Protein backbone atom coordinates (compact mmCIF):
# COMPACT_ATOMS: atom_id res chain seq x y z
CA MET A 1 -0.25 -0.24 -0.01
CA ASN A 2 2.86 2.26 0.28
CA VAL A 3 2.45 3.50 -3.34
CA PRO A 4 2.23 7.25 -4.38
CA ALA A 5 -1.58 8.38 -4.88
CA TYR A 6 -1.30 9.36 -8.15
CA ASP A 7 0.74 8.16 -11.19
CA LEU A 8 -0.19 9.78 -14.34
CA GLY A 9 1.87 7.63 -16.18
CA PRO A 10 -0.23 5.56 -17.50
CA LEU A 11 -3.70 7.54 -17.83
CA ALA A 12 -3.05 7.90 -21.52
CA SER A 13 -3.23 3.76 -21.64
CA VAL A 14 -6.14 3.63 -19.43
CA VAL A 15 -8.33 6.60 -21.44
CA LEU A 16 -7.37 4.37 -24.79
CA ILE A 17 -8.75 1.07 -23.10
CA GLY A 18 -11.83 3.17 -21.88
CA ALA A 19 -12.58 4.66 -25.04
CA THR A 20 -12.17 1.02 -26.67
CA VAL A 21 -14.93 -0.25 -24.42
CA ALA A 22 -17.05 2.94 -25.83
CA LEU A 23 -16.45 2.06 -29.44
CA VAL A 24 -18.46 -1.52 -28.87
CA PRO A 25 -22.14 0.40 -27.88
CA LEU A 26 -21.21 3.34 -30.52
CA ILE A 27 -20.50 1.05 -33.49
CA TRP A 28 -23.69 -0.80 -32.13
CA VAL A 29 -26.45 2.65 -32.36
CA ILE A 30 -24.72 3.80 -36.16
CA TRP A 31 -25.23 0.50 -37.18
CA ARG A 32 -28.55 -0.21 -35.97
CA HIS A 33 -29.91 3.57 -36.71
CA ARG A 34 -27.83 3.66 -39.92
CA HIS A 35 -31.00 4.98 -41.77
CA SER A 36 -32.28 7.32 -39.10
CA GLU A 37 -32.24 11.31 -38.76
CA PRO A 38 -28.94 12.48 -36.83
CA ALA A 39 -31.09 13.52 -33.85
CA ALA A 40 -32.81 10.03 -33.62
CA ARG A 41 -29.46 8.09 -33.93
CA ARG A 42 -28.38 10.55 -30.92
CA ARG A 43 -31.77 10.05 -28.75
CA ALA A 44 -30.73 6.04 -29.11
CA LEU A 45 -27.02 6.99 -28.30
CA THR A 46 -28.37 8.68 -25.14
CA VAL A 47 -30.38 6.27 -24.17
CA LEU A 48 -27.91 3.09 -24.43
CA THR A 49 -25.35 5.61 -22.02
CA LEU A 50 -28.18 5.87 -19.83
CA PHE A 51 -28.25 2.09 -19.56
CA LEU A 52 -24.38 1.49 -19.14
CA THR A 53 -24.22 4.41 -16.65
CA PHE A 54 -26.90 2.25 -14.77
CA ASP A 55 -24.68 -0.81 -14.92
CA LEU A 56 -21.69 1.27 -14.20
CA VAL A 57 -23.49 2.44 -11.00
CA LEU A 58 -24.31 -0.90 -9.58
CA PHE A 59 -20.60 -2.26 -10.92
CA GLY A 60 -19.40 0.71 -8.26
CA ALA A 61 -21.72 -0.80 -5.92
CA PHE A 62 -20.10 -4.00 -6.19
CA THR A 63 -16.73 -2.89 -6.19
CA ARG A 64 -17.02 -0.87 -3.31
CA LEU A 65 -19.57 -3.69 -1.57
CA SER A 66 -17.14 -6.26 -2.35
CA ASP A 67 -14.04 -4.62 -0.78
CA SER A 68 -12.39 -3.85 -4.12
CA GLY A 69 -11.87 0.14 -3.76
CA LEU A 70 -8.52 -0.22 -3.19
CA GLY A 71 -7.30 -3.31 -5.09
CA CYS A 72 -5.35 -0.47 -7.01
CA PRO A 73 -4.20 1.77 -3.92
CA ASP A 74 -3.16 4.58 -6.80
CA TRP A 75 -4.71 6.23 -9.43
CA PRO A 76 -5.68 6.26 -12.38
CA GLY A 77 -3.78 3.17 -12.80
CA CYS A 78 -2.53 0.41 -11.16
CA TYR A 79 0.86 0.51 -9.46
CA GLY A 80 1.83 2.49 -12.35
CA SER A 81 0.38 0.31 -14.95
CA ALA A 82 -2.79 0.29 -17.20
CA SER A 83 -4.12 -2.89 -15.93
CA PRO A 84 -3.37 -5.62 -13.00
CA LEU A 85 -1.39 -7.49 -15.83
CA GLY A 86 1.76 -5.01 -15.62
CA ALA A 87 1.21 -4.71 -11.63
CA HIS A 88 1.00 -8.77 -11.17
CA GLU A 89 4.49 -9.14 -8.90
CA SER A 90 3.12 -6.07 -6.89
CA ILE A 91 -0.13 -6.97 -6.14
CA GLY A 92 0.94 -10.37 -5.59
CA ALA A 93 3.05 -8.95 -2.86
CA ALA A 94 0.70 -7.05 -1.33
CA GLN A 95 -1.87 -10.08 -0.99
CA SER A 96 0.93 -12.60 0.29
CA ALA A 97 1.82 -9.82 3.18
CA MET A 98 -1.62 -9.31 3.69
CA PRO A 99 -4.20 -12.49 2.00
CA THR A 100 -7.50 -11.26 3.20
CA GLY A 101 -6.33 -7.48 2.49
CA PRO A 102 -7.51 -4.75 0.26
CA VAL A 103 -5.32 -5.76 -2.47
CA THR A 104 -5.75 -8.72 -4.02
CA HIS A 105 -5.35 -10.22 -7.88
CA GLY A 106 -9.48 -10.49 -7.98
CA LYS A 107 -9.80 -7.09 -6.25
CA ALA A 108 -7.35 -4.89 -8.25
CA TRP A 109 -9.07 -6.72 -11.85
CA ILE A 110 -12.52 -5.86 -10.05
CA GLU A 111 -11.51 -1.92 -9.44
CA MET A 112 -9.39 -1.22 -12.67
CA LEU A 113 -13.05 -2.89 -14.72
CA HIS A 114 -14.58 -0.40 -13.12
CA ARG A 115 -12.54 2.44 -14.10
CA TYR A 116 -12.42 1.20 -17.73
CA LEU A 117 -16.12 1.34 -17.66
CA ALA A 118 -16.50 4.66 -16.19
CA THR A 119 -13.79 5.73 -18.63
CA GLY A 120 -15.90 4.05 -21.46
CA VAL A 121 -18.82 5.94 -20.42
CA GLY A 122 -16.99 9.30 -20.06
CA ALA A 123 -16.07 8.79 -23.71
CA LEU A 124 -19.74 8.50 -24.74
CA ILE A 125 -21.27 11.50 -22.67
CA THR A 126 -18.26 13.63 -24.38
CA LEU A 127 -19.22 12.50 -27.51
CA LEU A 128 -22.69 13.54 -26.92
CA ALA A 129 -22.02 16.84 -25.84
CA VAL A 130 -19.76 17.15 -29.27
CA THR A 131 -22.14 16.29 -31.73
CA ALA A 132 -25.09 18.69 -29.55
CA TRP A 133 -23.24 21.61 -30.05
CA LEU A 134 -22.33 20.46 -33.82
CA GLU A 135 -25.89 19.96 -34.61
CA ALA A 136 -27.08 23.58 -33.12
CA ARG A 137 -24.34 25.26 -34.94
CA ARG A 138 -25.87 24.02 -38.48
CA GLN A 139 -29.42 24.39 -37.33
CA ARG A 140 -28.90 28.04 -36.41
CA SER A 141 -31.33 29.35 -39.01
CA MET A 142 -33.76 26.34 -37.76
CA PRO A 143 -36.43 25.94 -34.97
CA ALA A 144 -34.66 25.23 -31.87
CA PRO A 145 -33.56 21.35 -31.83
CA ALA A 146 -35.46 19.14 -29.55
CA VAL A 147 -32.35 18.65 -26.55
CA SER A 148 -30.54 22.15 -25.97
CA PRO A 149 -27.06 21.62 -26.45
CA TRP A 150 -26.28 22.66 -22.81
CA TRP A 151 -27.91 19.55 -21.56
CA PRO A 152 -25.20 17.28 -22.99
CA THR A 153 -22.66 19.61 -21.87
CA VAL A 154 -24.05 19.92 -18.14
CA THR A 155 -23.32 16.45 -17.79
CA TRP A 156 -20.22 16.24 -19.41
CA LEU A 157 -19.30 18.71 -16.38
CA TRP A 158 -20.43 16.54 -14.03
CA VAL A 159 -19.48 13.30 -15.07
CA CYS A 160 -15.74 15.47 -15.35
CA GLY A 161 -16.19 15.71 -11.44
CA GLN A 162 -17.75 12.11 -10.90
CA GLY A 163 -13.98 11.33 -11.83
CA ALA A 164 -12.68 13.56 -9.77
CA PHE A 165 -14.26 12.05 -6.74
CA GLY A 166 -13.48 9.05 -8.35
CA ALA A 167 -10.06 9.56 -7.84
CA LEU A 168 -10.14 10.76 -4.44
CA THR A 169 -12.26 7.76 -3.27
CA VAL A 170 -8.60 5.49 -3.63
CA THR A 171 -6.36 8.57 -2.65
CA MET A 172 -8.24 9.45 0.63
CA LYS A 173 -8.30 5.54 1.47
CA LEU A 174 -12.70 5.33 0.82
CA TYR A 175 -12.98 8.33 3.33
CA PRO A 176 -16.88 7.93 4.25
CA ALA A 177 -17.83 11.36 2.80
CA ILE A 178 -15.88 11.50 -0.62
CA VAL A 179 -17.61 7.49 -0.67
CA THR A 180 -20.78 9.08 -0.30
CA LEU A 181 -20.69 11.74 -2.69
CA HIS A 182 -19.14 9.29 -5.21
CA LEU A 183 -22.13 7.62 -5.34
CA LEU A 184 -24.85 10.57 -5.38
CA GLY A 185 -22.55 12.02 -8.33
CA GLY A 186 -23.29 8.49 -10.12
CA LEU A 187 -26.91 8.88 -9.60
CA GLY A 188 -27.11 12.08 -10.18
CA LEU A 189 -25.65 11.56 -13.44
CA LEU A 190 -28.06 8.89 -14.26
CA ALA A 191 -30.72 11.53 -13.35
CA LEU A 192 -29.13 14.34 -16.18
CA LEU A 193 -28.98 11.47 -18.88
CA ALA A 194 -32.68 10.21 -18.22
CA ILE A 195 -34.03 13.96 -18.63
CA GLN A 196 -31.81 14.19 -21.77
CA SER A 197 -33.73 10.73 -23.60
CA GLN A 198 -37.22 12.04 -22.15
CA LEU A 199 -36.74 15.43 -23.85
CA PRO A 200 -37.56 14.89 -27.54
CA GLN A 201 -41.02 13.82 -25.95
CA ARG A 202 -41.77 16.11 -23.58
CA SER A 203 -44.87 17.49 -22.29
CA THR A 204 -46.76 14.19 -23.05
CA LEU A 205 -48.22 13.74 -19.69
CA LYS A 206 -50.60 16.23 -17.68
CA LEU A 207 -50.47 16.40 -14.42
CA SER A 208 -51.90 19.02 -12.08
CA PRO A 209 -50.01 21.95 -10.19
CA ALA A 210 -50.63 20.03 -6.83
CA LEU A 211 -49.48 16.47 -8.50
CA ARG A 212 -46.48 18.03 -10.11
CA PHE A 213 -45.45 19.69 -6.81
CA GLY A 214 -46.12 15.59 -5.29
CA VAL A 215 -43.30 14.27 -7.76
CA VAL A 216 -41.08 16.83 -7.00
CA ALA A 217 -41.59 16.52 -2.72
CA VAL A 218 -41.27 12.84 -3.21
CA LEU A 219 -38.04 12.85 -5.38
CA ALA A 220 -36.37 15.24 -2.66
CA LEU A 221 -37.36 12.37 -0.29
CA VAL A 222 -35.57 10.27 -2.44
CA ILE A 223 -32.41 11.97 -2.96
CA VAL A 224 -32.08 12.36 1.22
CA GLN A 225 -32.88 8.72 1.92
CA THR A 226 -30.67 7.54 -1.05
CA ALA A 227 -28.03 9.81 1.02
CA LEU A 228 -28.47 8.12 4.07
CA GLY A 229 -28.36 4.75 2.59
CA GLY A 230 -24.61 5.71 0.96
CA TRP A 231 -23.76 7.08 4.56
CA VAL A 232 -24.96 3.06 6.10
CA SER A 233 -23.18 1.89 2.89
CA THR A 234 -20.07 3.63 3.15
CA ASN A 235 -19.72 3.13 7.12
CA TYR A 236 -20.75 0.14 7.14
CA ALA A 237 -23.76 0.31 9.08
CA VAL A 238 -25.79 -2.45 7.74
CA LEU A 239 -25.25 -5.36 10.43
CA ALA A 240 -25.84 -3.08 13.17
CA CYS A 241 -29.17 -4.06 13.28
CA ALA A 242 -29.99 -7.69 12.64
CA GLU A 243 -33.72 -8.25 12.95
CA PHE A 244 -36.26 -6.18 11.69
CA PRO A 245 -38.93 -3.89 12.99
CA THR A 246 -36.68 -4.07 16.01
CA CYS A 247 -33.01 -3.37 16.41
CA GLN A 248 -30.91 -5.13 18.76
CA GLY A 249 -33.95 -6.43 20.79
CA SER A 250 -34.87 -3.25 21.20
CA TRP A 251 -37.56 -0.72 19.39
CA TRP A 252 -35.32 2.37 20.38
CA PRO A 253 -31.75 0.66 20.86
CA PRO A 254 -28.49 3.01 22.13
CA MET A 255 -27.25 5.31 19.61
CA ASP A 256 -24.68 8.12 19.25
CA PHE A 257 -25.65 10.36 16.87
CA ASP A 258 -22.83 12.84 17.43
CA HIS A 259 -20.71 10.31 16.59
CA GLY A 260 -22.45 8.41 13.98
CA PHE A 261 -23.19 11.96 11.66
CA THR A 262 -19.56 14.00 11.95
CA LEU A 263 -19.31 14.01 8.38
CA LEU A 264 -15.37 15.05 8.07
CA ARG A 265 -13.82 11.93 9.80
CA GLU A 266 -11.89 8.78 8.12
CA LEU A 267 -13.37 5.88 7.70
CA GLY A 268 -13.71 3.48 11.27
CA ALA A 269 -13.14 7.32 13.14
CA GLY A 270 -15.15 9.09 15.38
CA LYS A 271 -15.40 12.83 15.64
CA ASP A 272 -12.57 12.63 17.76
CA GLY A 273 -10.35 10.36 15.99
CA GLY A 274 -10.93 7.42 18.04
CA TYR A 275 -12.71 4.18 17.02
CA LEU A 276 -16.27 4.78 16.29
CA PRO A 277 -18.53 3.59 19.04
CA PHE A 278 -20.97 0.88 17.58
CA ALA A 279 -23.94 3.07 18.88
CA ALA A 280 -23.02 5.40 16.20
CA LEU A 281 -23.18 2.95 13.46
CA THR A 282 -26.57 1.85 15.04
CA ALA A 283 -27.73 5.76 14.66
CA ILE A 284 -26.71 5.51 11.07
CA HIS A 285 -28.95 2.63 10.62
CA MET A 286 -31.75 3.66 12.41
CA VAL A 287 -32.25 7.23 11.06
CA HIS A 288 -32.38 5.17 7.70
CA ARG A 289 -34.70 2.92 8.79
CA ILE A 290 -36.98 5.74 9.66
CA GLY A 291 -36.42 7.49 6.26
CA ALA A 292 -37.13 4.81 4.77
CA ALA A 293 -40.68 4.32 6.24
CA ILE A 294 -41.35 7.85 5.55
CA LEU A 295 -40.58 7.25 1.92
CA VAL A 296 -42.31 4.44 1.24
CA LEU A 297 -45.58 5.97 2.91
CA ALA A 298 -45.09 9.19 0.76
CA ILE A 299 -44.55 6.66 -2.51
CA GLY A 300 -47.40 4.99 -1.58
CA VAL A 301 -49.37 7.99 -1.33
CA LEU A 302 -48.28 9.41 -4.76
CA ILE A 303 -49.12 6.20 -5.99
CA TRP A 304 -52.43 6.42 -5.06
CA ARG A 305 -53.00 9.92 -6.15
CA LEU A 306 -51.41 9.15 -9.79
CA TRP A 307 -53.86 5.65 -10.02
CA ALA A 308 -56.61 7.84 -8.97
CA THR A 309 -56.49 10.27 -11.89
CA GLY A 310 -58.17 7.48 -14.08
CA VAL A 311 -55.61 8.44 -17.10
CA ALA A 312 -54.20 5.34 -18.58
CA PRO A 313 -50.66 6.84 -18.77
CA LEU A 314 -50.35 7.94 -15.16
CA ARG A 315 -51.83 4.15 -14.09
CA ARG A 316 -48.60 2.98 -16.32
CA TRP A 317 -46.19 5.33 -13.72
CA ALA A 318 -47.92 4.45 -10.70
CA MET A 319 -47.27 0.47 -11.74
CA ALA A 320 -43.86 1.43 -12.36
CA LEU A 321 -43.43 3.21 -8.92
CA THR A 322 -45.05 0.33 -7.22
CA GLY A 323 -42.67 -2.42 -8.73
CA ALA A 324 -39.36 -0.04 -7.97
CA ILE A 325 -40.40 1.09 -4.43
CA ALA A 326 -41.34 -2.83 -3.85
CA TRP A 327 -37.94 -3.81 -5.21
CA GLN A 328 -36.51 -1.81 -2.90
CA VAL A 329 -38.04 -2.79 0.21
CA ALA A 330 -37.39 -6.43 -0.61
CA SER A 331 -34.15 -5.77 -1.27
CA GLY A 332 -33.44 -3.45 2.01
CA LEU A 333 -35.04 -6.40 4.20
CA GLY A 334 -32.97 -9.11 2.45
CA ASN A 335 -29.69 -6.76 3.83
CA VAL A 336 -30.55 -7.23 7.33
CA LEU A 337 -32.20 -10.67 7.67
CA PHE A 338 -29.34 -12.36 5.56
CA ASP A 339 -26.34 -10.73 6.64
CA TRP A 340 -25.59 -8.19 3.91
CA PRO A 341 -25.73 -10.60 1.21
CA LEU A 342 -23.89 -9.03 -2.11
CA LEU A 343 -26.63 -9.49 -4.13
CA ALA A 344 -28.89 -7.56 -1.55
CA ALA A 345 -26.82 -4.87 -1.38
CA VAL A 346 -25.96 -4.54 -5.18
CA SER A 347 -29.55 -4.58 -6.02
CA HIS A 348 -30.58 -2.26 -3.04
CA THR A 349 -28.59 0.35 -5.08
CA GLY A 350 -29.65 -0.51 -8.54
CA GLY A 351 -33.72 0.06 -6.57
CA ALA A 352 -32.65 3.48 -5.64
CA ALA A 353 -31.15 3.93 -9.02
CA ALA A 354 -34.48 3.01 -10.65
CA LEU A 355 -36.45 5.27 -8.23
CA LEU A 356 -34.29 8.26 -9.00
CA VAL A 357 -34.74 7.32 -12.80
CA LEU A 358 -38.23 7.10 -13.33
CA PHE A 359 -39.12 10.44 -11.16
CA SER A 360 -36.42 11.72 -13.34
CA MET A 361 -38.49 10.85 -16.39
CA LEU A 362 -41.72 11.16 -14.82
CA LEU A 363 -40.78 15.10 -14.10
CA THR A 364 -39.33 15.83 -17.41
CA ARG A 365 -42.35 14.45 -19.67
CA SER A 366 -44.79 16.32 -17.24
CA TRP A 367 -42.85 19.61 -17.10
CA PRO A 368 -44.60 22.44 -19.36
CA GLU A 369 -42.90 22.53 -22.05
CA ARG A 370 -42.09 26.28 -22.07
CA SER A 371 -39.59 25.80 -19.34
CA VAL A 372 -37.46 23.18 -21.44
CA ILE A 373 -37.27 25.65 -24.94
CA PRO A 374 -33.57 27.40 -24.86
CA ALA A 375 -34.19 31.43 -24.04
CA SER A 376 -32.10 32.06 -26.77
CA VAL A 377 -34.71 30.91 -29.36
CA SER A 378 -36.70 33.76 -30.72
CA PRO A 379 -40.67 34.22 -29.80
CA GLY A 380 -41.42 33.76 -33.75
CA ARG A 381 -39.10 30.75 -33.69
CA ARG A 382 -40.59 29.66 -29.64
CA GLY A 383 -44.10 29.67 -31.34
CA MET A 384 -42.99 27.59 -34.61
CA HIS A 385 -41.34 25.06 -32.11
CA ALA A 386 -44.25 24.54 -29.62
CA ALA A 387 -46.72 24.14 -32.64
CA SER A 388 -44.40 21.35 -34.23
């Protein structure tokens, strides 16, 4: 583990591997939509990038939960090499010194595969931003494009920031606040891509102002609960309560909120630098559990309101939200009752990602069209665009 935190020597090789990974879905989209309009191809690539980003979030959860986050203790390569093959000797020495430690051959490959996939997704998002601006430049004298190029630009800036947090996750040795922000950054990236995938079909759903406010409010709860879930995961607080609905045989076990919710501290450390008390892990777990109960209730009310409209499309959204929250409840209970199995833990992250994607899409499809037309469009062209 005594290696430089940053070694930019293999950066070009890692980027090249990531670009090669991105070529596979890119070629598939180009071939499948070779007879389509450029806008249709770009939307298809956006949807595919959204799917790959969802997979990346799941693989990131698998990397963290399998204790592979430090499988390569430097960044962006592995012991100064672009792959674990070049670092075979160093990894072997670390594994021999500590067979169950953070560095093993398997964990190194998991960590580097995650970096390759992340680089590939970054390459696709870069391509989306470049092509969006090229398309906007070609259409200067035409009505505004279906998707403003600023959306892909913000997404590109976001993925750059996400890459920086990925580096800090490694170099700061799984600092809980950084790891949690990295998880939230991945989910934010999903939301941005989900919005872009729906913008060409915007305003196809009609919600009353009150119901739209309800969707926004529940989305805010989803974000808060996801942050709490990330804090549980990064502090390994799931096992603080091994039964449900009680915890440690009590409805209100001993808890230490002061240490548990001190954000600026190292992994396993309390606010004073000593060991993190077990009661702090209990507090983290219980707050997440209470938040889950509030969120399930709120989503239940929203599902009922959507179903009560009697509108077929809104009822389909209600069924989709029902499936997502049922999955999330089942995987959450599985984590507690079955001692945090890897499958249930990764599935729980997937459920949170699915809820965020669904809410982002629902809001985009139901938001008033005037709020998503670029401000640079002149009034005359604005009318042409709305009429189309």
